Amino acid sequence: DTDRALVLLEEYCKKLRKPEEQQLKKAIRKVMGIFKSSLFQALLGSFEKKATRHGTTSHTSLPAALACDVLGCPKD
């Protein structure tokens, strides 16, 4: 879910301390802001409703899957 993705992104941001990593950290913080936005939440809700209607839901949410893909997190 989105909360899990935000936690993963926040943990990753804490590790970015070198000056050359600050641009990446800024970009990740932008993504986090998008995940927290009401527009993103509404779009995600719409996507999940359509996926449920079509029987295409999965156990992994889109935001968490994206964060894990980018950060190399282990799959559940």
PDB file of N, CA and C in Angstrom:
ATOM      1  N   ASP A   1       0.828  -1.186   0.000  1.00  0.00           N
ATOM      2  CA  ASP A   1       0.000   0.000   0.000  1.00  0.00           C
ATOM      3  C   ASP A   1       0.870   1.246   0.000  1.00  0.00           C
ATOM      4  N   THR A   2       0.236   2.366  -0.119  1.00  0.00           N
ATOM      5  CA  THR A   2       0.954   3.628  -0.205  1.00  0.00           C
ATOM      6  C   THR A   2       1.762   3.902   1.060  1.00  0.00           C
ATOM      7  N   ASP A   3       1.199   3.569   2.200  1.00  0.00           N
ATOM      8  CA  ASP A   3       1.914   3.799   3.462  1.00  0.00           C
ATOM      9  C   ASP A   3       3.216   3.011   3.513  1.00  0.00           C
ATOM     10  N   ARG A   4       3.182   1.784   3.048  1.00  0.00           N
ATOM     11  CA  ARG A   4       4.387   0.957   3.027  1.00  0.00           C
ATOM     12  C   ARG A   4       5.435   1.561   2.092  1.00  0.00           C
ATOM     13  N   ALA A   5       4.999   2.033   0.936  1.00  0.00           N
ATOM     14  CA  ALA A   5       5.917   2.665  -0.012  1.00  0.00           C
ATOM     15  C   ALA A   5       6.548   3.901   0.606  1.00  0.00           C
ATOM     16  N   LEU A   6       5.754   4.701   1.300  1.00  0.00           N
ATOM     17  CA  LEU A   6       6.281   5.904   1.936  1.00  0.00           C
ATOM     18  C   LEU A   6       7.305   5.572   3.007  1.00  0.00           C
ATOM     19  N   VAL A   7       7.052   4.538   3.779  1.00  0.00           N
ATOM     20  CA  VAL A   7       8.009   4.121   4.807  1.00  0.00           C
ATOM     21  C   VAL A   7       9.321   3.684   4.156  1.00  0.00           C
ATOM     22  N   LEU A   8       9.236   2.894   3.099  1.00  0.00           N
ATOM     23  CA  LEU A   8      10.435   2.434   2.406  1.00  0.00           C
ATOM     24  C   LEU A   8      11.222   3.597   1.814  1.00  0.00           C
ATOM     25  N   LEU A   9      10.529   4.531   1.211  1.00  0.00           N
ATOM     26  CA  LEU A   9      11.194   5.691   0.624  1.00  0.00           C
ATOM     27  C   LEU A   9      11.831   6.565   1.704  1.00  0.00           C
ATOM     28  N   GLU A  10      11.151   6.738   2.818  1.00  0.00           N
ATOM     29  CA  GLU A  10      11.691   7.537   3.919  1.00  0.00           C
ATOM     30  C   GLU A  10      12.947   6.884   4.490  1.00  0.00           C
ATOM     31  N   GLU A  11      12.926   5.571   4.664  1.00  0.00           N
ATOM     32  CA  GLU A  11      14.099   4.861   5.160  1.00  0.00           C
ATOM     33  C   GLU A  11      15.277   5.019   4.202  1.00  0.00           C
ATOM     34  N   TYR A  12      14.996   4.946   2.912  1.00  0.00           N
ATOM     35  CA  TYR A  12      16.046   5.094   1.913  1.00  0.00           C
ATOM     36  C   TYR A  12      16.613   6.513   1.936  1.00  0.00           C
ATOM     37  N   CYS A  13      15.738   7.510   2.068  1.00  0.00           N
ATOM     38  CA  CYS A  13      16.187   8.902   2.114  1.00  0.00           C
ATOM     39  C   CYS A  13      17.124   9.163   3.286  1.00  0.00           C
ATOM     40  N   LYS A  14      16.872   8.515   4.400  1.00  0.00           N
ATOM     41  CA  LYS A  14      17.730   8.694   5.578  1.00  0.00           C
ATOM     42  C   LYS A  14      19.157   8.232   5.307  1.00  0.00           C
ATOM     43  N   LYS A  15      19.325   7.319   4.383  1.00  0.00           N
ATOM     44  CA  LYS A  15      20.651   6.797   4.048  1.00  0.00           C
ATOM     45  C   LYS A  15      21.408   7.703   3.071  1.00  0.00           C
ATOM     46  N   LEU A  16      20.717   8.622   2.455  1.00  0.00           N
ATOM     47  CA  LEU A  16      21.330   9.502   1.456  1.00  0.00           C
ATOM     48  C   LEU A  16      21.901  10.733   2.146  1.00  0.00           C
ATOM     49  N   ARG A  17      23.197  10.709   2.419  1.00  0.00           N
ATOM     50  CA  ARG A  17      23.824  11.801   3.159  1.00  0.00           C
ATOM     51  C   ARG A  17      24.931  12.495   2.380  1.00  0.00           C
ATOM     52  N   LYS A  18      25.472  11.840   1.381  1.00  0.00           N
ATOM     53  CA  LYS A  18      26.574  12.415   0.610  1.00  0.00           C
ATOM     54  C   LYS A  18      26.058  13.558  -0.252  1.00  0.00           C
ATOM     55  N   PRO A  19      26.920  14.564  -0.489  1.00  0.00           N
ATOM     56  CA  PRO A  19      26.477  15.696  -1.330  1.00  0.00           C
ATOM     57  C   PRO A  19      25.976  15.265  -2.709  1.00  0.00           C
ATOM     58  N   GLU A  20      26.604  14.272  -3.304  1.00  0.00           N
ATOM     59  CA  GLU A  20      26.188  13.832  -4.635  1.00  0.00           C
ATOM     60  C   GLU A  20      24.857  13.069  -4.625  1.00  0.00           C
ATOM     61  N   GLU A  21      24.370  12.708  -3.453  1.00  0.00           N
ATOM     62  CA  GLU A  21      23.098  11.989  -3.330  1.00  0.00           C
ATOM     63  C   GLU A  21      21.908  12.917  -3.073  1.00  0.00           C
ATOM     64  N   GLN A  22      22.184  14.191  -2.892  1.00  0.00           N
ATOM     65  CA  GLN A  22      21.119  15.127  -2.510  1.00  0.00           C
ATOM     66  C   GLN A  22      20.101  15.351  -3.620  1.00  0.00           C
ATOM     67  N   GLN A  23      20.533  15.287  -4.860  1.00  0.00           N
ATOM     68  CA  GLN A  23      19.584  15.439  -5.969  1.00  0.00           C
ATOM     69  C   GLN A  23      18.619  14.248  -5.994  1.00  0.00           C
ATOM     70  N   LEU A  24      19.135  13.047  -5.768  1.00  0.00           N
ATOM     71  CA  LEU A  24      18.284  11.853  -5.690  1.00  0.00           C
ATOM     72  C   LEU A  24      17.324  11.968  -4.512  1.00  0.00           C
ATOM     73  N   LYS A  25      17.836  12.427  -3.383  1.00  0.00           N
ATOM     74  CA  LYS A  25      17.004  12.585  -2.191  1.00  0.00           C
ATOM     75  C   LYS A  25      15.858  13.565  -2.464  1.00  0.00           C
ATOM     76  N   LYS A  26      16.160  14.659  -3.153  1.00  0.00           N
ATOM     77  CA  LYS A  26      15.132  15.643  -3.501  1.00  0.00           C
ATOM     78  C   LYS A  26      14.075  15.028  -4.406  1.00  0.00           C
ATOM     79  N   ALA A  27      14.508  14.234  -5.379  1.00  0.00           N
ATOM     80  CA  ALA A  27      13.569  13.580  -6.297  1.00  0.00           C
ATOM     81  C   ALA A  27      12.678  12.579  -5.561  1.00  0.00           C
ATOM     82  N   ILE A  28      13.260  11.835  -4.646  1.00  0.00           N
ATOM     83  CA  ILE A  28      12.480  10.858  -3.866  1.00  0.00           C
ATOM     84  C   ILE A  28      11.462  11.586  -3.004  1.00  0.00           C
ATOM     85  N   ARG A  29      11.856  12.704  -2.427  1.00  0.00           N
ATOM     86  CA  ARG A  29      10.912  13.479  -1.613  1.00  0.00           C
ATOM     87  C   ARG A  29       9.743  13.995  -2.461  1.00  0.00           C
ATOM     88  N   LYS A  30      10.000  14.334  -3.725  1.00  0.00           N
ATOM     89  CA  LYS A  30       8.921  14.743  -4.632  1.00  0.00           C
ATOM     90  C   LYS A  30       7.956  13.586  -4.857  1.00  0.00           C
ATOM     91  N   VAL A  31       8.505  12.392  -5.073  1.00  0.00           N
ATOM     92  CA  VAL A  31       7.665  11.202  -5.262  1.00  0.00           C
ATOM     93  C   VAL A  31       6.831  10.965  -4.008  1.00  0.00           C
ATOM     94  N   MET A  32       7.441  11.121  -2.847  1.00  0.00           N
ATOM     95  CA  MET A  32       6.707  10.947  -1.601  1.00  0.00           C
ATOM     96  C   MET A  32       5.556  11.939  -1.506  1.00  0.00           C
ATOM     97  N   GLY A  33       5.800  13.175  -1.925  1.00  0.00           N
ATOM     98  CA  GLY A  33       4.741  14.186  -1.929  1.00  0.00           C
ATOM     99  C   GLY A  33       3.602  13.800  -2.854  1.00  0.00           C
ATOM    100  N   ILE A  34       3.955  13.232  -3.993  1.00  0.00           N
ATOM    101  CA  ILE A  34       2.924  12.772  -4.933  1.00  0.00           C
ATOM    102  C   ILE A  34       2.112  11.650  -4.312  1.00  0.00           C
ATOM    103  N   PHE A  35       2.785  10.682  -3.687  1.00  0.00           N
ATOM    104  CA  PHE A  35       2.075   9.571  -3.048  1.00  0.00           C
ATOM    105  C   PHE A  35       1.116  10.076  -1.970  1.00  0.00           C
ATOM    106  N   LYS A  36       1.467  11.156  -1.300  1.00  0.00           N
ATOM    107  CA  LYS A  36       0.634  11.696  -0.226  1.00  0.00           C
ATOM    108  C   LYS A  36      -0.498  12.575  -0.744  1.00  0.00           C
ATOM    109  N   SER A  37      -0.434  12.978  -2.006  1.00  0.00           N
ATOM    110  CA  SER A  37      -1.423  13.917  -2.538  1.00  0.00           C
ATOM    111  C   SER A  37      -2.814  13.288  -2.652  1.00  0.00           C
ATOM    112  N   SER A  38      -3.808  14.133  -2.493  1.00  0.00           N
ATOM    113  CA  SER A  38      -5.194  13.645  -2.597  1.00  0.00           C
ATOM    114  C   SER A  38      -5.507  13.214  -4.029  1.00  0.00           C
ATOM    115  N   LEU A  39      -4.901  13.864  -5.025  1.00  0.00           N
ATOM    116  CA  LEU A  39      -5.121  13.471  -6.411  1.00  0.00           C
ATOM    117  C   LEU A  39      -4.602  12.057  -6.655  1.00  0.00           C
ATOM    118  N   PHE A  40      -3.390  11.756  -6.196  1.00  0.00           N
ATOM    119  CA  PHE A  40      -2.830  10.424  -6.371  1.00  0.00           C
ATOM    120  C   PHE A  40      -3.693   9.385  -5.660  1.00  0.00           C
ATOM    121  N   GLN A  41      -4.120   9.691  -4.453  1.00  0.00           N
ATOM    122  CA  GLN A  41      -4.948   8.754  -3.699  1.00  0.00           C
ATOM    123  C   GLN A  41      -6.268   8.490  -4.423  1.00  0.00           C
ATOM    124  N   ALA A  42      -6.849   9.529  -5.015  1.00  0.00           N
ATOM    125  CA  ALA A  42      -8.100   9.361  -5.760  1.00  0.00           C
ATOM    126  C   ALA A  42      -7.878   8.511  -7.007  1.00  0.00           C
ATOM    127  N   LEU A  43      -6.783   8.781  -7.735  1.00  0.00           N
ATOM    128  CA  LEU A  43      -6.472   7.987  -8.926  1.00  0.00           C
ATOM    129  C   LEU A  43      -6.198   6.537  -8.563  1.00  0.00           C
ATOM    130  N   LEU A  44      -5.479   6.338  -7.486  1.00  0.00           N
ATOM    131  CA  LEU A  44      -5.172   4.978  -7.034  1.00  0.00           C
ATOM    132  C   LEU A  44      -6.457   4.242  -6.652  1.00  0.00           C
ATOM    133  N   GLY A  45      -7.353   4.931  -5.964  1.00  0.00           N
ATOM    134  CA  GLY A  45      -8.631   4.330  -5.601  1.00  0.00           C
ATOM    135  C   GLY A  45      -9.432   3.946  -6.828  1.00  0.00           C
ATOM    136  N   SER A  46      -9.418   4.800  -7.827  1.00  0.00           N
ATOM    137  CA  SER A  46     -10.119   4.511  -9.078  1.00  0.00           C
ATOM    138  C   SER A  46      -9.499   3.315  -9.785  1.00  0.00           C
ATOM    139  N   PHE A  47      -8.179   3.263  -9.820  1.00  0.00           N
ATOM    140  CA  PHE A  47      -7.456   2.151 -10.434  1.00  0.00           C
ATOM    141  C   PHE A  47      -7.792   0.832  -9.728  1.00  0.00           C
ATOM    142  N   GLU A  48      -7.776   0.866  -8.403  1.00  0.00           N
ATOM    143  CA  GLU A  48      -8.057  -0.351  -7.635  1.00  0.00           C
ATOM    144  C   GLU A  48      -9.493  -0.824  -7.841  1.00  0.00           C
ATOM    145  N   LYS A  49     -10.445   0.113  -7.939  1.00  0.00           N
ATOM    146  CA  LYS A  49     -11.843  -0.265  -8.185  1.00  0.00           C
ATOM    147  C   LYS A  49     -11.988  -0.939  -9.538  1.00  0.00           C
ATOM    148  N   LYS A  50     -11.340  -0.363 -10.564  1.00  0.00           N
ATOM    149  CA  LYS A  50     -11.409  -0.951 -11.902  1.00  0.00           C
ATOM    150  C   LYS A  50     -10.744  -2.322 -11.932  1.00  0.00           C
ATOM    151  N   ALA A  51      -9.606  -2.446 -11.267  1.00  0.00           N
ATOM    152  CA  ALA A  51      -8.895  -3.723 -11.238  1.00  0.00           C
ATOM    153  C   ALA A  51      -9.728  -4.788 -10.528  1.00  0.00           C
ATOM    154  N   THR A  52     -10.407  -4.397  -9.465  1.00  0.00           N
ATOM    155  CA  THR A  52     -11.264  -5.336  -8.734  1.00  0.00           C
ATOM    156  C   THR A  52     -12.423  -5.795  -9.609  1.00  0.00           C
ATOM    157  N   ARG A  53     -13.028  -4.850 -10.332  1.00  0.00           N
ATOM    158  CA  ARG A  53     -14.148  -5.196 -11.223  1.00  0.00           C
ATOM    159  C   ARG A  53     -13.720  -6.164 -12.317  1.00  0.00           C
ATOM    160  N   HIS A  54     -12.487  -6.006 -12.788  1.00  0.00           N
ATOM    161  CA  HIS A  54     -11.994  -6.848 -13.877  1.00  0.00           C
ATOM    162  C   HIS A  54     -11.248  -8.082 -13.375  1.00  0.00           C
ATOM    163  N   GLY A  55     -11.195  -8.236 -12.048  1.00  0.00           N
ATOM    164  CA  GLY A  55     -10.537  -9.408 -11.470  1.00  0.00           C
ATOM    165  C   GLY A  55      -9.031  -9.422 -11.662  1.00  0.00           C
ATOM    166  N   THR A  56      -8.411  -8.241 -11.707  1.00  0.00           N
ATOM    167  CA  THR A  56      -6.968  -8.175 -11.940  1.00  0.00           C
ATOM    168  C   THR A  56      -6.214  -7.621 -10.745  1.00  0.00           C
ATOM    169  N   THR A  57      -6.737  -7.790  -9.544  1.00  0.00           N
ATOM    170  CA  THR A  57      -6.035  -7.294  -8.367  1.00  0.00           C
ATOM    171  C   THR A  57      -4.893  -8.234  -8.027  1.00  0.00           C
ATOM    172  N   SER A  58      -3.915  -7.694  -7.360  1.00  0.00           N
ATOM    173  CA  SER A  58      -2.787  -8.506  -6.905  1.00  0.00           C
ATOM    174  C   SER A  58      -2.552  -8.230  -5.436  1.00  0.00           C
ATOM    175  N   HIS A  59      -1.673  -9.009  -4.829  1.00  0.00           N
ATOM    176  CA  HIS A  59      -1.394  -8.839  -3.403  1.00  0.00           C
ATOM    177  C   HIS A  59      -0.501  -7.639  -3.139  1.00  0.00           C
ATOM    178  N   THR A  60       0.288  -7.233  -4.110  1.00  0.00           N
ATOM    179  CA  THR A  60       1.192  -6.120  -3.932  1.00  0.00           C
ATOM    180  C   THR A  60       0.582  -4.866  -4.540  1.00  0.00           C
ATOM    181  N   SER A  61       0.562  -3.804  -3.774  1.00  0.00           N
ATOM    182  CA  SER A  61      -0.005  -2.562  -4.288  1.00  0.00           C
ATOM    183  C   SER A  61       0.963  -1.887  -5.243  1.00  0.00           C
ATOM    184  N   LEU A  62       0.437  -1.037  -6.086  1.00  0.00           N
ATOM    185  CA  LEU A  62       1.237  -0.328  -7.058  1.00  0.00           C
ATOM    186  C   LEU A  62       2.321   0.537  -6.411  1.00  0.00           C
ATOM    187  N   PRO A  63       2.016   1.396  -5.424  1.00  0.00           N
ATOM    188  CA  PRO A  63       3.069   2.225  -4.838  1.00  0.00           C
ATOM    189  C   PRO A  63       4.165   1.414  -4.155  1.00  0.00           C
ATOM    190  N   ALA A  64       3.786   0.389  -3.403  1.00  0.00           N
ATOM    191  CA  ALA A  64       4.783  -0.430  -2.725  1.00  0.00           C
ATOM    192  C   ALA A  64       5.626  -1.194  -3.728  1.00  0.00           C
ATOM    193  N   ALA A  65       5.001  -1.697  -4.781  1.00  0.00           N
ATOM    194  CA  ALA A  65       5.741  -2.419  -5.814  1.00  0.00           C
ATOM    195  C   ALA A  65       6.734  -1.493  -6.498  1.00  0.00           C
ATOM    196  N   LEU A  66       6.314  -0.262  -6.779  1.00  0.00           N
ATOM    197  CA  LEU A  66       7.195   0.717  -7.402  1.00  0.00           C
ATOM    198  C   LEU A  66       8.381   1.029  -6.495  1.00  0.00           C
ATOM    199  N   ALA A  67       8.112   1.295  -5.232  1.00  0.00           N
ATOM    200  CA  ALA A  67       9.187   1.615  -4.300  1.00  0.00           C
ATOM    201  C   ALA A  67      10.159   0.447  -4.170  1.00  0.00           C
ATOM    202  N   CYS A  68       9.631  -0.760  -4.062  1.00  0.00           N
ATOM    203  CA  CYS A  68      10.502  -1.929  -3.940  1.00  0.00           C
ATOM    204  C   CYS A  68      11.301  -2.168  -5.218  1.00  0.00           C
ATOM    205  N   ASP A  69      10.699  -1.903  -6.351  1.00  0.00           N
ATOM    206  CA  ASP A  69      11.417  -2.065  -7.602  1.00  0.00           C
ATOM    207  C   ASP A  69      12.579  -1.085  -7.685  1.00  0.00           C
ATOM    208  N   VAL A  70      12.321   0.165  -7.321  1.00  0.00           N
ATOM    209  CA  VAL A  70      13.356   1.195  -7.370  1.00  0.00           C
ATOM    210  C   VAL A  70      14.436   0.944  -6.325  1.00  0.00           C
ATOM    211  N   LEU A  71      14.027   0.543  -5.136  1.00  0.00           N
ATOM    212  CA  LEU A  71      14.985   0.391  -4.031  1.00  0.00           C
ATOM    213  C   LEU A  71      15.562  -1.000  -3.921  1.00  0.00           C
ATOM    214  N   GLY A  72      15.073  -1.945  -4.700  1.00  0.00           N
ATOM    215  CA  GLY A  72      15.585  -3.308  -4.638  1.00  0.00           C
ATOM    216  C   GLY A  72      15.155  -4.065  -3.406  1.00  0.00           C
ATOM    217  N   CYS A  73      13.964  -3.816  -2.922  1.00  0.00           N
ATOM    218  CA  CYS A  73      13.444  -4.478  -1.730  1.00  0.00           C
ATOM    219  C   CYS A  73      13.073  -5.930  -2.046  1.00  0.00           C
ATOM    220  N   PRO A  74      13.177  -6.801  -1.057  1.00  0.00           N
ATOM    221  CA  PRO A  74      12.739  -8.180  -1.290  1.00  0.00           C
ATOM    222  C   PRO A  74      11.236  -8.257  -1.446  1.00  0.00           C
ATOM    223  N   LYS A  75      10.780  -9.146  -2.295  1.00  0.00           N
ATOM    224  CA  LYS A  75       9.338  -9.341  -2.486  1.00  0.00           C
ATOM    225  C   LYS A  75       8.773 -10.157  -1.339  1.00  0.00           C
ATOM    226  N   ASP A  76       7.489  -9.895  -0.991  1.00  0.00           N
ATOM    227  CA  ASP A  76       6.817 -10.659   0.080  1.00  0.00           C
ATOM    228  C   ASP A  76       6.517 -12.070  -0.386  1.00  0.00           C
TER     229      ASP A  76
END
